[in-house]
Amino acid sequence: MLKTLERSVNYGEVLEMMYLAKDGSISKRKIKVLWVGDASFRAYCFLRRSKRTFLIENVLAAVPVRYKERVVI
C-alpha cells in the first residue's frame, strides 16, 4: 500500500480508495495524494472537496484511476 501511495505522489496520479472510518463505515473516495508519512498521509479528497489526513492502516484498497479516451468514428 505504501508504494502505491508514494508512486501516486511522484507521478501525480489520482487514486480510487476504499477507506475504513473510525466509526466502522466504509467509503469509496477519489483522492490525490500530497504527502506520505510513516503512519498517515495527506491527500485532497474529491468527495469532501478538501484536504484530509488519512491513516495508512485504514486504507482497504487503492488503485490508480484510468481515464479512457472516447473515439468517435
C-alpha atoms as a PDB file:
ATOM      1  CA  MET A   1       0.000   0.000   0.000  1.00  0.00           C
ATOM      2  CA  LEU A   2       2.804   2.389   0.909  1.00  0.00           C
ATOM      3  CA  LYS A   3       4.433   2.001  -2.517  1.00  0.00           C
ATOM      4  CA  THR A   4       1.130   2.792  -4.265  1.00  0.00           C
ATOM      5  CA  LEU A   5       0.771   5.990  -2.233  1.00  0.00           C
ATOM      6  CA  GLU A   6       4.385   7.048  -2.843  1.00  0.00           C
ATOM      7  CA  ARG A   7       4.079   6.373  -6.594  1.00  0.00           C
ATOM      8  CA  SER A   8       0.909   8.459  -6.637  1.00  0.00           C
ATOM      9  CA  VAL A   9       2.795  11.415  -5.140  1.00  0.00           C
ATOM     10  CA  ASN A  10       5.713  11.049  -7.575  1.00  0.00           C
ATOM     11  CA  TYR A  11       3.564  10.787 -10.713  1.00  0.00           C
ATOM     12  CA  GLY A  12       0.587  12.923  -9.660  1.00  0.00           C
ATOM     13  CA  GLU A  13      -1.885  10.067 -10.097  1.00  0.00           C
ATOM     14  CA  VAL A  14      -5.455  10.211  -8.834  1.00  0.00           C
ATOM     15  CA  LEU A  15      -6.361   7.138  -6.778  1.00  0.00           C
ATOM     16  CA  GLU A  16      -9.661   5.482  -6.052  1.00  0.00           C
ATOM     17  CA  MET A  17      -9.611   4.314  -2.448  1.00  0.00           C
ATOM     18  CA  MET A  18     -11.755   2.203  -0.127  1.00  0.00           C
ATOM     19  CA  TYR A  19     -11.334   3.596   3.390  1.00  0.00           C
ATOM     20  CA  LEU A  20     -12.426   2.351   6.819  1.00  0.00           C
ATOM     21  CA  ALA A  21     -13.519   5.263   9.035  1.00  0.00           C
ATOM     22  CA  LYS A  22     -13.216   5.449  12.830  1.00  0.00           C
ATOM     23  CA  ASP A  23     -16.912   4.613  13.241  1.00  0.00           C
ATOM     24  CA  GLY A  24     -16.538   1.431  11.166  1.00  0.00           C
ATOM     25  CA  SER A  25     -18.170   2.730   7.994  1.00  0.00           C
ATOM     26  CA  ILE A  26     -16.520   2.131   4.643  1.00  0.00           C
ATOM     27  CA  SER A  27     -16.334   4.837   1.989  1.00  0.00           C
ATOM     28  CA  LYS A  28     -15.139   4.931  -1.603  1.00  0.00           C
ATOM     29  CA  ARG A  29     -13.223   8.094  -2.455  1.00  0.00           C
ATOM     30  CA  LYS A  30     -11.154   9.604  -5.227  1.00  0.00           C
ATOM     31  CA  ILE A  31      -8.034  11.246  -3.838  1.00  0.00           C
ATOM     32  CA  LYS A  32      -4.858  12.947  -4.958  1.00  0.00           C
ATOM     33  CA  VAL A  33      -2.043  12.169  -2.508  1.00  0.00           C
ATOM     34  CA  LEU A  34       0.010  15.204  -1.466  1.00  0.00           C
ATOM     35  CA  TRP A  35       2.329  13.802   1.230  1.00  0.00           C
ATOM     36  CA  VAL A  36       3.101  10.367   2.720  1.00  0.00           C
ATOM     37  CA  GLY A  37       4.415   9.822   6.253  1.00  0.00           C
ATOM     38  CA  ASP A  38       5.113   6.737   8.369  1.00  0.00           C
ATOM     39  CA  ALA A  39       1.574   6.114   9.647  1.00  0.00           C
ATOM     40  CA  SER A  40      -0.571   8.629   7.760  1.00  0.00           C
ATOM     41  CA  PHE A  41      -0.819  10.579   4.529  1.00  0.00           C
ATOM     42  CA  ARG A  42      -2.314  13.863   3.385  1.00  0.00           C
ATOM     43  CA  ALA A  43      -4.495  13.974   0.289  1.00  0.00           C
ATOM     44  CA  TYR A  44      -7.064  16.084  -1.493  1.00  0.00           C
ATOM     45  CA  CYS A  45     -10.392  14.247  -1.229  1.00  0.00           C
ATOM     46  CA  PHE A  46     -12.713  14.847  -4.189  1.00  0.00           C
ATOM     47  CA  LEU A  47     -15.690  13.509  -2.172  1.00  0.00           C
ATOM     48  CA  ARG A  48     -15.324  16.121   0.600  1.00  0.00           C
ATOM     49  CA  ARG A  49     -13.641  18.721  -1.649  1.00  0.00           C
ATOM     50  CA  SER A  50     -10.921  19.428   0.892  1.00  0.00           C
ATOM     51  CA  LYS A  51      -7.507  18.291   2.095  1.00  0.00           C
ATOM     52  CA  ARG A  52      -7.727  15.402   4.555  1.00  0.00           C
ATOM     53  CA  THR A  53      -5.367  13.281   6.629  1.00  0.00           C
ATOM     54  CA  PHE A  54      -5.836   9.502   6.383  1.00  0.00           C
ATOM     55  CA  LEU A  55      -4.327   6.629   8.349  1.00  0.00           C
ATOM     56  CA  ILE A  56      -2.456   4.193   6.111  1.00  0.00           C
ATOM     57  CA  GLU A  57      -3.636   1.215   8.184  1.00  0.00           C
ATOM     58  CA  ASN A  58      -7.296   2.116   7.460  1.00  0.00           C
ATOM     59  CA  VAL A  59      -6.885   2.001   3.663  1.00  0.00           C
ATOM     60  CA  LEU A  60      -8.548  -1.210   2.461  1.00  0.00           C
ATOM     61  CA  ALA A  61      -7.649  -0.780  -1.230  1.00  0.00           C
ATOM     62  CA  ALA A  62      -6.207   1.888  -3.517  1.00  0.00           C
ATOM     63  CA  VAL A  63      -5.852   1.772  -7.292  1.00  0.00           C
ATOM     64  CA  PRO A  64      -4.969   4.420  -9.882  1.00  0.00           C
ATOM     65  CA  VAL A  65      -7.889   5.896 -11.820  1.00  0.00           C
ATOM     66  CA  ARG A  66      -7.531   5.258 -15.528  1.00  0.00           C
ATOM     67  CA  TYR A  67      -9.143   7.645 -17.967  1.00  0.00           C
ATOM     68  CA  LYS A  68     -10.102   6.279 -21.381  1.00  0.00           C
ATOM     69  CA  GLU A  69     -10.389   8.398 -24.482  1.00  0.00           C
ATOM     70  CA  ARG A  70     -13.549   8.056 -26.481  1.00  0.00           C
ATOM     71  CA  VAL A  71     -13.087   7.501 -30.164  1.00  0.00           C
ATOM     72  CA  VAL A  72     -15.756   8.803 -32.499  1.00  0.00           C
ATOM     73  CA  ILE A  73     -15.868   7.028 -35.847  1.00  0.00           C
END
